[in-house]
N, C-alpha and C. Protein backbone atom coordinates (compact mmCIF):
# COMPACT_ATOMS: atom_id res chain seq x y z
N MET A 1 -66.05 -60.16 272.35
CA MET A 1 -65.84 -58.44 273.00
C MET A 1 -66.02 -58.63 273.26
N LYS A 2 -65.94 -57.74 274.89
CA LYS A 2 -66.16 -57.31 275.79
C LYS A 2 -66.51 -57.18 276.67
N GLN A 3 -67.18 -58.15 277.70
CA GLN A 3 -68.28 -57.89 278.24
C GLN A 3 -68.26 -56.98 278.98
N ASP A 4 -69.83 -56.50 279.49
CA ASP A 4 -69.51 -54.61 280.51
C ASP A 4 -69.39 -53.78 280.45
N LEU A 5 -68.85 -53.37 278.53
CA LEU A 5 -68.27 -52.75 278.32
C LEU A 5 -69.28 -51.09 277.54
N HIS A 6 -70.68 -52.02 276.58
CA HIS A 6 -71.48 -51.07 275.94
C HIS A 6 -73.37 -51.36 276.70
N PRO A 7 -72.80 -50.04 276.91
CA PRO A 7 -74.44 -49.82 277.62
C PRO A 7 -75.35 -50.44 276.77
N GLU A 8 -76.42 -50.51 278.13
CA GLU A 8 -78.05 -51.53 277.25
C GLU A 8 -78.70 -50.38 276.07
N TYR A 9 -79.15 -50.91 274.76
CA TYR A 9 -79.65 -50.74 273.25
C TYR A 9 -81.02 -50.80 274.40
N GLY A 10 -82.32 -50.37 274.54
CA GLY A 10 -83.73 -50.83 274.49
C GLY A 10 -84.85 -49.82 274.28
N PRO A 11 -85.92 -50.09 274.09
CA PRO A 11 -86.51 -48.86 273.51
C PRO A 11 -86.43 -48.33 275.42
N VAL A 12 -87.13 -46.77 274.48
CA VAL A 12 -87.20 -45.86 275.18
C VAL A 12 -88.12 -45.15 274.65
N VAL A 13 -89.16 -44.45 275.68
CA VAL A 13 -90.76 -43.40 275.33
C VAL A 13 -89.41 -41.73 275.61
N PHE A 14 -89.57 -40.93 274.55
CA PHE A 14 -89.33 -39.53 274.43
C PHE A 14 -90.50 -38.46 274.50
N ARG A 15 -90.62 -37.79 275.16
CA ARG A 15 -91.80 -36.86 275.54
C ARG A 15 -91.72 -35.81 275.55
N ASP A 16 -92.13 -34.78 274.80
CA ASP A 16 -92.42 -33.72 274.30
C ASP A 16 -92.85 -33.01 274.82
N ASN A 17 -93.40 -32.29 275.73
CA ASN A 17 -94.01 -31.76 276.89
C ASN A 17 -94.86 -30.67 276.23
N GLN A 18 -93.88 -29.68 276.12
CA GLN A 18 -94.77 -28.39 275.06
C GLN A 18 -95.12 -28.47 274.14
N ALA A 19 -95.10 -29.73 273.67
CA ALA A 19 -95.83 -29.91 272.59
C ALA A 19 -97.24 -31.67 272.68
N GLY A 20 -96.83 -32.19 273.94
CA GLY A 20 -97.67 -32.94 274.28
C GLY A 20 -97.59 -34.00 272.79
N THR A 21 -96.60 -34.57 272.91
CA THR A 21 -96.26 -35.34 271.86
C THR A 21 -95.06 -36.49 272.53
N SER A 22 -95.85 -37.65 272.56
CA SER A 22 -94.47 -38.66 272.35
C SER A 22 -94.35 -39.45 271.35
N PHE A 23 -93.23 -40.65 271.47
CA PHE A 23 -92.80 -41.51 270.91
C PHE A 23 -91.66 -42.66 271.65
N LEU A 24 -91.77 -43.29 270.69
CA LEU A 24 -91.42 -44.90 271.52
C LEU A 24 -89.81 -44.78 270.49
N THR A 25 -88.37 -44.95 271.08
CA THR A 25 -87.47 -45.71 269.55
C THR A 25 -87.07 -46.76 270.81
N ARG A 26 -85.48 -46.57 270.07
CA ARG A 26 -84.77 -47.50 271.42
C ARG A 26 -83.30 -46.60 270.78
N SER A 27 -82.92 -47.01 272.03
CA SER A 27 -82.14 -45.39 272.54
C SER A 27 -80.79 -45.97 273.73
N THR A 28 -79.75 -46.01 273.84
CA THR A 28 -79.00 -46.19 275.26
C THR A 28 -79.23 -45.34 275.98
N ALA A 29 -80.20 -44.25 276.02
CA ALA A 29 -80.51 -42.94 276.96
C ALA A 29 -81.58 -43.19 278.09
N GLY A 30 -81.64 -44.54 277.89
CA GLY A 30 -82.29 -45.23 279.32
C GLY A 30 -82.10 -45.73 280.42
N ALA A 31 -80.42 -45.74 280.85
CA ALA A 31 -79.94 -45.82 281.58
C ALA A 31 -80.09 -44.14 283.08
N HIS A 32 -80.87 -43.36 281.61
CA HIS A 32 -80.53 -42.06 281.64
C HIS A 32 -82.36 -41.62 282.18
N ALA A 33 -83.04 -42.28 282.76
CA ALA A 33 -84.61 -42.52 282.76
C ALA A 33 -84.70 -41.74 283.75
N ARG A 34 -86.10 -40.36 283.91
CA ARG A 34 -85.92 -39.87 285.78
C ARG A 34 -87.37 -40.97 285.29
N GLY A 35 -88.58 -41.62 284.57
CA GLY A 35 -89.46 -42.90 284.69
C GLY A 35 -89.45 -43.68 284.30
N THR A 36 -90.97 -43.79 284.57
CA THR A 36 -91.17 -45.30 282.98
C THR A 36 -93.12 -44.33 283.20
N VAL A 37 -92.90 -45.71 281.77
CA VAL A 37 -94.41 -44.81 281.49
C VAL A 37 -95.53 -46.12 281.21
N GLU A 38 -96.83 -45.94 280.30
CA GLU A 38 -96.61 -47.38 280.02
C GLU A 38 -97.72 -47.07 279.27
N TRP A 39 -96.44 -47.67 278.00
CA TRP A 39 -96.91 -47.21 276.57
C TRP A 39 -98.35 -48.63 275.76
N GLU A 40 -98.72 -47.84 274.50
CA GLU A 40 -99.89 -47.91 273.80
C GLU A 40 -99.69 -49.56 274.17
N ASP A 41 -98.10 -50.42 273.24
CA ASP A 41 -98.85 -51.96 273.37
C ASP A 41 -98.33 -52.39 274.82
N GLY A 42 -98.87 -51.57 275.67
CA GLY A 42 -98.94 -52.92 277.58
C GLY A 42 -97.29 -52.48 278.16
N GLU A 43 -96.78 -52.84 277.93
CA GLU A 43 -95.85 -52.50 278.45
C GLU A 43 -94.84 -51.59 279.14
N THR A 44 -94.44 -51.16 279.98
CA THR A 44 -93.67 -50.08 280.96
C THR A 44 -92.06 -50.54 280.04
N HIS A 45 -92.47 -49.17 279.78
CA HIS A 45 -90.53 -48.69 279.22
C HIS A 45 -90.06 -47.12 280.08
N PRO A 46 -88.76 -47.35 279.83
CA PRO A 46 -88.21 -45.70 280.49
C PRO A 46 -88.47 -44.55 279.85
N VAL A 47 -89.43 -43.37 280.28
CA VAL A 47 -89.48 -42.33 279.50
C VAL A 47 -88.35 -41.05 279.81
N ILE A 48 -88.53 -40.24 278.70
CA ILE A 48 -86.97 -39.07 278.73
C ILE A 48 -87.73 -37.71 278.50
N ASP A 49 -88.48 -37.02 279.40
CA ASP A 49 -89.07 -35.90 278.75
C ASP A 49 -87.63 -34.73 278.52
N VAL A 50 -87.87 -34.42 276.41
CA VAL A 50 -87.09 -33.93 275.78
C VAL A 50 -87.17 -32.09 275.99
N ASP A 51 -87.04 -30.93 275.55
CA ASP A 51 -87.29 -29.63 275.43
C ASP A 51 -87.82 -28.95 274.38
N VAL A 52 -87.14 -30.21 273.60
CA VAL A 52 -87.92 -29.55 272.09
C VAL A 52 -87.50 -31.08 270.95
N SER A 53 -88.32 -31.45 269.95
CA SER A 53 -88.79 -32.59 269.10
C SER A 53 -88.93 -31.65 268.36
N SER A 54 -88.68 -32.56 266.70
CA SER A 54 -89.76 -32.74 265.60
C SER A 54 -90.67 -31.66 265.97
N ALA A 55 -91.64 -32.30 266.81
CA ALA A 55 -93.44 -31.99 267.05
C ALA A 55 -93.51 -30.34 267.43
N SER A 56 -92.32 -29.98 268.09
CA SER A 56 -92.19 -28.89 268.62
C SER A 56 -91.41 -27.07 268.19
N HIS A 57 -90.01 -27.31 267.47
CA HIS A 57 -89.18 -26.72 266.98
C HIS A 57 -89.72 -25.97 266.12
N PRO A 58 -89.56 -24.82 266.24
CA PRO A 58 -90.49 -24.14 264.89
C PRO A 58 -90.30 -24.29 262.92
N PHE A 59 -88.63 -24.85 263.43
CA PHE A 59 -88.84 -24.57 262.16
C PHE A 59 -89.31 -26.38 261.65
N TRP A 60 -89.69 -26.92 262.05
CA TRP A 60 -90.06 -28.41 262.04
C TRP A 60 -92.07 -27.43 261.86
N THR A 61 -91.76 -27.03 262.56
CA THR A 61 -93.62 -27.09 262.37
C THR A 61 -93.41 -25.59 261.69
N GLY A 62 -93.11 -25.24 261.17
CA GLY A 62 -93.49 -23.87 260.13
C GLY A 62 -93.86 -22.68 260.77
N ARG A 63 -93.43 -22.68 262.36
CA ARG A 63 -94.02 -21.72 263.26
C ARG A 63 -92.76 -20.59 263.28
N ALA A 64 -91.79 -21.15 262.39
CA ALA A 64 -90.17 -20.08 262.38
C ALA A 64 -90.90 -18.73 261.61
N ARG A 65 -89.62 -17.19 262.86
CA ARG A 65 -89.52 -16.18 262.92
C ARG A 65 -88.54 -15.71 261.45
N VAL A 66 -89.04 -14.94 260.69
CA VAL A 66 -88.07 -13.66 260.27
C VAL A 66 -87.79 -13.36 260.37
N LEU A 67 -85.66 -14.09 260.95
CA LEU A 67 -85.06 -11.90 261.49
C LEU A 67 -84.33 -11.27 260.56
N ASP A 68 -84.32 -11.93 259.73
CA ASP A 68 -83.49 -11.37 258.98
C ASP A 68 -84.75 -10.35 257.93
N SER A 69 -85.06 -9.25 257.87
CA SER A 69 -86.73 -8.63 256.97
C SER A 69 -85.91 -8.24 255.70
N GLU A 70 -84.80 -7.15 255.39
CA GLU A 70 -84.56 -7.37 253.70
C GLU A 70 -83.69 -8.33 253.33
N GLY A 71 -83.71 -9.12 253.11
CA GLY A 71 -83.03 -10.41 253.07
C GLY A 71 -81.41 -9.85 253.21
N ARG A 72 -80.65 -10.46 253.10
CA ARG A 72 -78.85 -10.76 253.12
C ARG A 72 -77.97 -10.42 251.26
N VAL A 73 -78.95 -10.91 250.45
CA VAL A 73 -78.80 -10.86 248.98
C VAL A 73 -78.06 -9.15 248.85
N GLU A 74 -79.94 -8.60 248.96
CA GLU A 74 -79.85 -7.11 249.35
C GLU A 74 -79.44 -6.51 250.21
N ARG A 75 -79.39 -6.70 250.90
CA ARG A 75 -78.30 -6.04 252.27
C ARG A 75 -77.12 -5.75 251.42
N PHE A 76 -76.35 -7.06 251.17
CA PHE A 76 -75.05 -7.04 250.88
C PHE A 76 -75.04 -6.23 249.27
N ARG A 77 -75.79 -6.29 248.20
CA ARG A 77 -75.99 -4.84 246.51
C ARG A 77 -76.15 -3.86 248.05
N ARG A 78 -76.49 -3.11 248.58
CA ARG A 78 -77.07 -1.84 248.55
C ARG A 78 -75.40 -1.66 249.76
N ARG A 79 -74.75 -2.52 249.89
CA ARG A 79 -73.10 -1.73 250.47
C ARG A 79 -72.58 -1.91 249.52
N TYR A 80 -72.31 -2.64 249.21
CA TYR A 80 -71.29 -2.57 247.66
C TYR A 80 -71.52 -2.49 246.76
N GLY A 81 -72.65 -2.49 246.38
CA GLY A 81 -73.33 -1.99 244.43
C GLY A 81 -73.66 -2.80 243.71
N GLN A 82 -73.26 -2.68 242.69
CA GLN A 82 -73.01 -3.81 241.49
C GLN A 82 -71.37 -3.60 240.93
N ARG A 83 -70.87 -3.97 241.34
CA ARG A 83 -69.46 -3.68 240.44
C ARG A 83 -68.47 -4.37 239.58
N THR A 84 -68.87 -3.20 238.49
CA THR A 84 -67.75 -3.85 237.05
C THR A 84 -66.77 -4.30 237.30
N PRO A 85 -65.74 -4.80 237.09
CA PRO A 85 -64.38 -5.33 237.17
C PRO A 85 -63.85 -4.45 236.76
N SER A 86 -62.44 -3.28 235.79
CA SER A 86 -61.68 -3.07 235.64
C SER A 86 -60.22 -3.57 236.15
N THR A 87 -59.65 -2.83 234.95
CA THR A 87 -58.18 -3.75 234.11
C THR A 87 -57.36 -3.21 234.51
N GLY A 88 -56.45 -3.63 235.38
CA GLY A 88 -55.18 -3.28 235.99
C GLY A 88 -55.01 -2.74 236.94
N SER A 89 -56.45 -2.50 237.77
CA SER A 89 -56.40 -1.85 239.21
C SER A 89 -56.97 -3.57 240.25
N ALA A 90 -55.97 -3.28 241.18
CA ALA A 90 -56.68 -4.33 242.18
C ALA A 90 -58.11 -4.11 242.60
N THR A 91 -58.24 -2.31 243.31
CA THR A 91 -59.93 -2.68 243.16
C THR A 91 -59.63 -1.48 243.10
N SER A 92 -61.69 -2.05 242.91
CA SER A 92 -62.55 -0.89 242.42
C SER A 92 -63.93 0.21 242.70
N SER A 93 -63.76 1.04 242.36
CA SER A 93 -64.68 1.68 242.94
C SER A 93 -65.95 2.06 242.79
């Protein structure tokens, strides 16, 4: 394997300031960290601040807004109706 080709893979703390949570995982993104933080294990690890994580994303927290109030199926049925296939004609009315 070539030397100095792959980025360093090690522990990194990802911090979601919006939700006030952080988690420790392993990543190659440690070189892009803006600082360090002392973790619960007493070790100092690089920290990366993220905008959205599973702790703050509306889909995962259950705070998702319903954008389509009447439903796509009902809108389709209202627009096109219940059409029955006709014999001998390419289009039906």
